[in-house]
Structure formats: structure tokens, C-alpha cells
PDB file of N, CA and C in Angstrom:
ATOM      1  N   MET A   1      44.443 -22.100   8.798  1.00  0.00           N
ATOM      2  CA  MET A   1      44.272 -21.968   9.916  1.00  0.00           C
ATOM      3  C   MET A   1      45.144 -23.042  10.767  1.00  0.00           C
ATOM      4  N   LYS A   2      45.238 -23.168  12.056  1.00  0.00           N
ATOM      5  CA  LYS A   2      45.703 -23.835  13.026  1.00  0.00           C
ATOM      6  C   LYS A   2      45.062 -23.943  14.295  1.00  0.00           C
ATOM      7  N   PHE A   3      44.657 -25.048  14.941  1.00  0.00           N
ATOM      8  CA  PHE A   3      44.256 -24.990  16.465  1.00  0.00           C
ATOM      9  C   PHE A   3      45.779 -26.020  17.157  1.00  0.00           C
ATOM     10  N   ILE A   4      45.770 -25.232  18.260  1.00  0.00           N
ATOM     11  CA  ILE A   4      46.557 -25.544  19.232  1.00  0.00           C
ATOM     12  C   ILE A   4      45.709 -26.107  20.769  1.00  0.00           C
ATOM     13  N   VAL A   5      45.841 -27.367  20.664  1.00  0.00           N
ATOM     14  CA  VAL A   5      44.845 -27.871  22.051  1.00  0.00           C
ATOM     15  C   VAL A   5      45.815 -28.334  23.012  1.00  0.00           C
ATOM     16  N   GLU A   6      45.523 -27.968  24.182  1.00  0.00           N
ATOM     17  CA  GLU A   6      46.503 -28.387  25.402  1.00  0.00           C
ATOM     18  C   GLU A   6      45.557 -29.545  26.040  1.00  0.00           C
ATOM     19  N   LYS A   7      46.182 -30.200  26.754  1.00  0.00           N
ATOM     20  CA  LYS A   7      45.294 -31.327  27.511  1.00  0.00           C
ATOM     21  C   LYS A   7      44.800 -30.693  28.699  1.00  0.00           C
ATOM     22  N   SER A   8      43.415 -30.814  28.989  1.00  0.00           N
ATOM     23  CA  SER A   8      42.650 -29.958  30.020  1.00  0.00           C
ATOM     24  C   SER A   8      42.078 -31.194  30.407  1.00  0.00           C
ATOM     25  N   SER A   9      41.272 -30.726  31.542  1.00  0.00           N
ATOM     26  CA  SER A   9      39.972 -31.227  32.600  1.00  0.00           C
ATOM     27  C   SER A   9      39.089 -31.251  32.025  1.00  0.00           C
ATOM     28  N   LEU A  10      38.036 -32.194  31.415  1.00  0.00           N
ATOM     29  CA  LEU A  10      36.705 -31.591  31.070  1.00  0.00           C
ATOM     30  C   LEU A  10      35.976 -32.347  32.031  1.00  0.00           C
ATOM     31  N   GLN A  11      34.734 -32.116  32.260  1.00  0.00           N
ATOM     32  CA  GLN A  11      33.598 -32.920  32.508  1.00  0.00           C
ATOM     33  C   GLN A  11      32.280 -32.192  32.363  1.00  0.00           C
ATOM     34  N   GLY A  12      31.281 -33.064  32.213  1.00  0.00           N
ATOM     35  CA  GLY A  12      29.704 -32.806  31.642  1.00  0.00           C
ATOM     36  C   GLY A  12      29.326 -33.931  31.012  1.00  0.00           C
ATOM     37  N   THR A  13      28.004 -33.623  30.672  1.00  0.00           N
ATOM     38  CA  THR A  13      27.307 -34.064  29.560  1.00  0.00           C
ATOM     39  C   THR A  13      26.804 -33.347  28.316  1.00  0.00           C
ATOM     40  N   ALA A  14      26.848 -33.913  27.214  1.00  0.00           N
ATOM     41  CA  ALA A  14      26.469 -33.272  26.030  1.00  0.00           C
ATOM     42  C   ALA A  14      25.592 -34.326  25.361  1.00  0.00           C
ATOM     43  N   THR A  15      24.205 -33.295  25.088  1.00  0.00           N
ATOM     44  CA  THR A  15      22.926 -33.847  24.346  1.00  0.00           C
ATOM     45  C   THR A  15      23.119 -33.433  23.114  1.00  0.00           C
ATOM     46  N   VAL A  16      23.327 -34.324  22.017  1.00  0.00           N
ATOM     47  CA  VAL A  16      23.220 -33.807  20.796  1.00  0.00           C
ATOM     48  C   VAL A  16      21.895 -34.735  20.062  1.00  0.00           C
ATOM     49  N   PRO A  17      21.797 -34.012  18.781  1.00  0.00           N
ATOM     50  CA  PRO A  17      20.835 -34.548  18.078  1.00  0.00           C
ATOM     51  C   PRO A  17      21.553 -36.039  17.361  1.00  0.00           C
ATOM     52  N   GLY A  18      20.511 -37.203  17.029  1.00  0.00           N
ATOM     53  CA  GLY A  18      21.407 -38.321  16.659  1.00  0.00           C
ATOM     54  C   GLY A  18      21.421 -38.580  15.404  1.00  0.00           C
ATOM     55  N   ASN A  19      22.670 -38.790  14.712  1.00  0.00           N
ATOM     56  CA  ASN A  19      23.111 -38.904  13.507  1.00  0.00           C
ATOM     57  C   ASN A  19      24.371 -39.317  13.586  1.00  0.00           C
ATOM     58  N   LYS A  20      24.578 -39.731  12.177  1.00  0.00           N
ATOM     59  CA  LYS A  20      25.812 -40.842  11.990  1.00  0.00           C
ATOM     60  C   LYS A  20      27.215 -40.269  12.307  1.00  0.00           C
ATOM     61  N   SER A  21      27.625 -38.987  11.869  1.00  0.00           N
ATOM     62  CA  SER A  21      28.701 -38.211  12.492  1.00  0.00           C
ATOM     63  C   SER A  21      28.562 -38.007  14.097  1.00  0.00           C
ATOM     64  N   ALA A  22      27.617 -37.635  14.286  1.00  0.00           N
ATOM     65  CA  ALA A  22      27.404 -37.503  16.000  1.00  0.00           C
ATOM     66  C   ALA A  22      28.320 -39.006  16.989  1.00  0.00           C
ATOM     67  N   THR A  23      27.442 -40.016  16.228  1.00  0.00           N
ATOM     68  CA  THR A  23      27.862 -41.215  16.913  1.00  0.00           C
ATOM     69  C   THR A  23      29.061 -41.621  16.803  1.00  0.00           C
ATOM     70  N   ALA A  24      29.275 -41.512  15.536  1.00  0.00           N
ATOM     71  CA  ALA A  24      30.714 -41.620  15.166  1.00  0.00           C
ATOM     72  C   ALA A  24      32.113 -40.698  16.224  1.00  0.00           C
ATOM     73  N   ARG A  25      31.844 -39.521  16.325  1.00  0.00           N
ATOM     74  CA  ARG A  25      32.265 -38.785  17.392  1.00  0.00           C
ATOM     75  C   ARG A  25      32.529 -39.156  18.751  1.00  0.00           C
ATOM     76  N   ALA A  26      31.067 -39.656  18.978  1.00  0.00           N
ATOM     77  CA  ALA A  26      30.695 -40.065  20.361  1.00  0.00           C
ATOM     78  C   ALA A  26      31.782 -41.390  20.810  1.00  0.00           C
ATOM     79  N   ILE A  27      31.803 -42.200  19.698  1.00  0.00           N
ATOM     80  CA  ILE A  27      32.608 -43.420  20.187  1.00  0.00           C
ATOM     81  C   ILE A  27      33.693 -42.854  20.107  1.00  0.00           C
ATOM     82  N   VAL A  28      34.296 -42.330  19.276  1.00  0.00           N
ATOM     83  CA  VAL A  28      35.857 -42.037  19.233  1.00  0.00           C
ATOM     84  C   VAL A  28      36.295 -41.297  20.438  1.00  0.00           C
ATOM     85  N   LEU A  29      35.689 -40.067  20.532  1.00  0.00           N
ATOM     86  CA  LEU A  29      35.957 -39.576  21.923  1.00  0.00           C
ATOM     87  C   LEU A  29      35.759 -40.097  23.476  1.00  0.00           C
ATOM     88  N   GLY A  30      34.622 -41.024  23.432  1.00  0.00           N
ATOM     89  CA  GLY A  30      34.717 -42.031  24.314  1.00  0.00           C
ATOM     90  C   GLY A  30      35.501 -43.009  24.697  1.00  0.00           C
ATOM     91  N   SER A  31      36.268 -43.316  23.644  1.00  0.00           N
ATOM     92  CA  SER A  31      37.305 -44.342  23.490  1.00  0.00           C
ATOM     93  C   SER A  31      38.542 -43.916  24.021  1.00  0.00           C
ATOM     94  N   LEU A  32      38.801 -42.355  23.754  1.00  0.00           N
ATOM     95  CA  LEU A  32      39.863 -41.936  24.334  1.00  0.00           C
ATOM     96  C   LEU A  32      39.880 -41.014  25.680  1.00  0.00           C
ATOM     97  N   ALA A  33      38.670 -40.818  26.226  1.00  0.00           N
ATOM     98  CA  ALA A  33      38.623 -40.319  27.649  1.00  0.00           C
ATOM     99  C   ALA A  33      39.123 -41.417  28.486  1.00  0.00           C
ATOM    100  N   GLU A  34      39.299 -40.821  29.882  1.00  0.00           N
ATOM    101  CA  GLU A  34      39.139 -41.351  30.956  1.00  0.00           C
ATOM    102  C   GLU A  34      38.459 -41.903  31.716  1.00  0.00           C
ATOM    103  N   GLY A  35      38.360 -42.930  32.136  1.00  0.00           N
ATOM    104  CA  GLY A  35      36.774 -43.327  33.080  1.00  0.00           C
ATOM    105  C   GLY A  35      36.044 -43.849  32.083  1.00  0.00           C
ATOM    106  N   VAL A  36      34.596 -43.856  32.370  1.00  0.00           N
ATOM    107  CA  VAL A  36      33.398 -44.587  31.731  1.00  0.00           C
ATOM    108  C   VAL A  36      32.737 -43.477  30.976  1.00  0.00           C
ATOM    109  N   SER A  37      32.284 -43.716  29.446  1.00  0.00           N
ATOM    110  CA  SER A  37      31.976 -42.921  28.717  1.00  0.00           C
ATOM    111  C   SER A  37      30.402 -43.674  28.228  1.00  0.00           C
ATOM    112  N   ARG A  38      29.554 -43.217  28.201  1.00  0.00           N
ATOM    113  CA  ARG A  38      27.991 -43.496  27.874  1.00  0.00           C
ATOM    114  C   ARG A  38      27.802 -43.064  26.554  1.00  0.00           C
ATOM    115  N   VAL A  39      27.338 -43.681  25.639  1.00  0.00           N
ATOM    116  CA  VAL A  39      26.558 -43.314  24.441  1.00  0.00           C
ATOM    117  C   VAL A  39      25.392 -43.469  24.336  1.00  0.00           C
ATOM    118  N   LYS A  40      24.285 -43.029  24.873  1.00  0.00           N
ATOM    119  CA  LYS A  40      22.735 -43.194  24.613  1.00  0.00           C
ATOM    120  C   LYS A  40      22.209 -42.901  23.367  1.00  0.00           C
ATOM    121  N   ASN A  41      21.345 -43.903  23.175  1.00  0.00           N
ATOM    122  CA  ASN A  41      20.838 -43.905  21.841  1.00  0.00           C
ATOM    123  C   ASN A  41      21.900 -43.513  20.524  1.00  0.00           C
ATOM    124  N   PRO A  42      22.741 -44.198  20.474  1.00  0.00           N
ATOM    125  CA  PRO A  42      23.420 -44.068  19.118  1.00  0.00           C
ATOM    126  C   PRO A  42      22.766 -44.474  17.967  1.00  0.00           C
ATOM    127  N   LEU A  43      23.114 -43.879  16.823  1.00  0.00           N
ATOM    128  CA  LEU A  43      22.386 -44.030  15.671  1.00  0.00           C
ATOM    129  C   LEU A  43      23.015 -45.734  15.222  1.00  0.00           C
ATOM    130  N   PRO A  44      22.583 -46.544  15.237  1.00  0.00           N
ATOM    131  CA  PRO A  44      22.738 -48.309  14.826  1.00  0.00           C
ATOM    132  C   PRO A  44      23.127 -47.947  13.254  1.00  0.00           C
ATOM    133  N   GLY A  45      24.248 -48.839  12.752  1.00  0.00           N
ATOM    134  CA  GLY A  45      24.396 -48.839  11.214  1.00  0.00           C
ATOM    135  C   GLY A  45      25.530 -49.365  10.900  1.00  0.00           C
ATOM    136  N   ALA A  46      25.915 -49.762   9.784  1.00  0.00           N
ATOM    137  CA  ALA A  46      27.314 -50.316   9.238  1.00  0.00           C
ATOM    138  C   ALA A  46      28.412 -49.150  10.100  1.00  0.00           C
ATOM    139  N   ASP A  47      28.339 -48.294   9.797  1.00  0.00           N
ATOM    140  CA  ASP A  47      29.529 -47.170   9.912  1.00  0.00           C
ATOM    141  C   ASP A  47      29.946 -47.185  11.565  1.00  0.00           C
ATOM    142  N   SER A  48      28.718 -47.047  12.309  1.00  0.00           N
ATOM    143  CA  SER A  48      28.667 -47.351  14.087  1.00  0.00           C
ATOM    144  C   SER A  48      29.285 -48.106  13.991  1.00  0.00           C
ATOM    145  N   PHE A  49      29.248 -49.640  13.736  1.00  0.00           N
ATOM    146  CA  PHE A  49      29.763 -50.756  14.475  1.00  0.00           C
ATOM    147  C   PHE A  49      31.341 -50.801  13.519  1.00  0.00           C
ATOM    148  N   SER A  50      31.583 -50.251  12.570  1.00  0.00           N
ATOM    149  CA  SER A  50      32.786 -50.548  11.930  1.00  0.00           C
ATOM    150  C   SER A  50      33.635 -49.516  13.199  1.00  0.00           C
ATOM    151  N   ILE A  51      33.094 -48.495  13.603  1.00  0.00           N
ATOM    152  CA  ILE A  51      33.964 -47.479  14.410  1.00  0.00           C
ATOM    153  C   ILE A  51      34.246 -48.452  15.483  1.00  0.00           C
ATOM    154  N   VAL A  52      33.055 -49.043  16.537  1.00  0.00           N
ATOM    155  CA  VAL A  52      33.442 -49.691  17.343  1.00  0.00           C
ATOM    156  C   VAL A  52      34.465 -50.495  17.226  1.00  0.00           C
ATOM    157  N   GLU A  53      34.554 -51.334  16.230  1.00  0.00           N
ATOM    158  CA  GLU A  53      35.408 -52.324  15.636  1.00  0.00           C
ATOM    159  C   GLU A  53      36.903 -51.762  15.800  1.00  0.00           C
ATOM    160  N   MET A  54      36.583 -50.679  14.874  1.00  0.00           N
ATOM    161  CA  MET A  54      38.357 -50.001  14.587  1.00  0.00           C
ATOM    162  C   MET A  54      39.014 -49.776  15.923  1.00  0.00           C
ATOM    163  N   MET A  55      37.774 -48.953  16.855  1.00  0.00           N
ATOM    164  CA  MET A  55      38.526 -48.362  18.256  1.00  0.00           C
ATOM    165  C   MET A  55      39.154 -49.421  19.226  1.00  0.00           C
ATOM    166  N   ARG A  56      37.951 -51.072  19.262  1.00  0.00           N
ATOM    167  CA  ARG A  56      38.395 -52.444  19.834  1.00  0.00           C
ATOM    168  C   ARG A  56      39.811 -52.863  19.274  1.00  0.00           C
ATOM    169  N   ALA A  57      40.079 -52.856  17.766  1.00  0.00           N
ATOM    170  CA  ALA A  57      41.351 -52.900  17.284  1.00  0.00           C
ATOM    171  C   ALA A  57      42.510 -52.292  17.994  1.00  0.00           C
ATOM    172  N   LEU A  58      42.195 -51.287  18.430  1.00  0.00           N
ATOM    173  CA  LEU A  58      43.424 -49.853  18.915  1.00  0.00           C
ATOM    174  C   LEU A  58      43.260 -50.144  20.664  1.00  0.00           C
ATOM    175  N   GLY A  59      42.642 -50.791  20.858  1.00  0.00           N
ATOM    176  CA  GLY A  59      42.196 -51.331  22.838  1.00  0.00           C
ATOM    177  C   GLY A  59      41.407 -50.732  23.252  1.00  0.00           C
ATOM    178  N   ALA A  60      40.553 -50.139  22.761  1.00  0.00           N
ATOM    179  CA  ALA A  60      39.540 -49.670  23.628  1.00  0.00           C
ATOM    180  C   ALA A  60      38.408 -51.112  23.865  1.00  0.00           C
ATOM    181  N   ARG A  61      38.031 -50.420  25.509  1.00  0.00           N
ATOM    182  CA  ARG A  61      36.733 -51.477  25.904  1.00  0.00           C
ATOM    183  C   ARG A  61      35.817 -50.930  25.562  1.00  0.00           C
ATOM    184  N   ILE A  62      34.685 -51.465  24.781  1.00  0.00           N
ATOM    185  CA  ILE A  62      33.409 -51.158  24.347  1.00  0.00           C
ATOM    186  C   ILE A  62      32.420 -52.306  24.318  1.00  0.00           C
ATOM    187  N   LEU A  63      31.368 -52.239  25.472  1.00  0.00           N
ATOM    188  CA  LEU A  63      30.256 -53.029  25.789  1.00  0.00           C
ATOM    189  C   LEU A  63      28.892 -52.218  24.960  1.00  0.00           C
ATOM    190  N   HIS A  64      28.528 -52.994  24.251  1.00  0.00           N
ATOM    191  CA  HIS A  64      27.214 -53.011  24.160  1.00  0.00           C
ATOM    192  C   HIS A  64      25.907 -53.299  24.392  1.00  0.00           C
ATOM    193  N   PHE A  65      25.333 -52.834  24.255  1.00  0.00           N
ATOM    194  CA  PHE A  65      23.641 -53.167  24.988  1.00  0.00           C
ATOM    195  C   PHE A  65      22.654 -53.140  24.290  1.00  0.00           C
ATOM    196  N   SER A  66      21.668 -53.482  24.321  1.00  0.00           N
ATOM    197  CA  SER A  66      20.439 -53.504  23.726  1.00  0.00           C
ATOM    198  C   SER A  66      19.644 -52.422  24.352  1.00  0.00           C
ATOM    199  N   ARG A  67      18.588 -51.798  23.877  1.00  0.00           N
ATOM    200  CA  ARG A  67      17.794 -51.344  24.749  1.00  0.00           C
ATOM    201  C   ARG A  67      17.302 -51.475  25.771  1.00  0.00           C
ATOM    202  N   ALA A  68      16.891 -52.848  25.983  1.00  0.00           N
ATOM    203  CA  ALA A  68      16.163 -53.435  27.110  1.00  0.00           C
ATOM    204  C   ALA A  68      17.191 -53.629  28.105  1.00  0.00           C
ATOM    205  N   GLY A  69      18.318 -53.110  27.921  1.00  0.00           N
ATOM    206  CA  GLY A  69      19.676 -53.518  28.867  1.00  0.00           C
ATOM    207  C   GLY A  69      20.382 -54.602  28.708  1.00  0.00           C
ATOM    208  N   GLU A  70      19.973 -55.375  27.716  1.00  0.00           N
ATOM    209  CA  GLU A  70      20.928 -56.756  27.885  1.00  0.00           C
ATOM    210  C   GLU A  70      22.243 -56.707  27.059  1.00  0.00           C
ATOM    211  N   ARG A  71      22.863 -57.150  27.963  1.00  0.00           N
ATOM    212  CA  ARG A  71      24.333 -56.824  27.440  1.00  0.00           C
ATOM    213  C   ARG A  71      24.808 -57.728  25.869  1.00  0.00           C
ATOM    214  N   ARG A  72      25.603 -57.284  24.687  1.00  0.00           N
ATOM    215  CA  ARG A  72      25.404 -57.911  23.390  1.00  0.00           C
ATOM    216  C   ARG A  72      26.767 -58.029  22.895  1.00  0.00           C
ATOM    217  N   PRO A  73      27.256 -58.888  22.109  1.00  0.00           N
ATOM    218  CA  PRO A  73      28.703 -59.130  21.988  1.00  0.00           C
ATOM    219  C   PRO A  73      29.219 -57.710  21.294  1.00  0.00           C
TER     220      PRO A  73
END
């Protein structure tokens, strides 16, 4: 099986159940997207934070906020 994906213009909002895989995908896709992406209620955990650090190492600017809206490192 083979998929051919061509660049296109996507726009919208997706709501998915909170789980480790969905959080990881949201971080990666948000890092690759143009503009600002917001991941609400990500599943916290070592894997999520590792992916954030990996994407930062590749040049993504990722800000982390607490549930109260306070900015964290």
C-alpha cells in the first residue's frame, strides 16, 4: 500500500479523546503546521514531554501553560 500526500490548505478544529498517541500526534502536527496551534488538555507524561523536547530541538517554538493559564518553561 502506498499513500501520496500533496500539500494542501487545511483549516479547522479537531476534538479527539485524550490519550498518549493523540497527544503525541497533536504536538508533532502542530509543530509542522503554519501559524499557531493549540493543544488543549494534552495527556501529561514522560512521552509527551519527550516529544515536546524533540520538536524544540528541531526548531519548533512550543510554549507550555498550566491549567490556570500560567506560563511554564
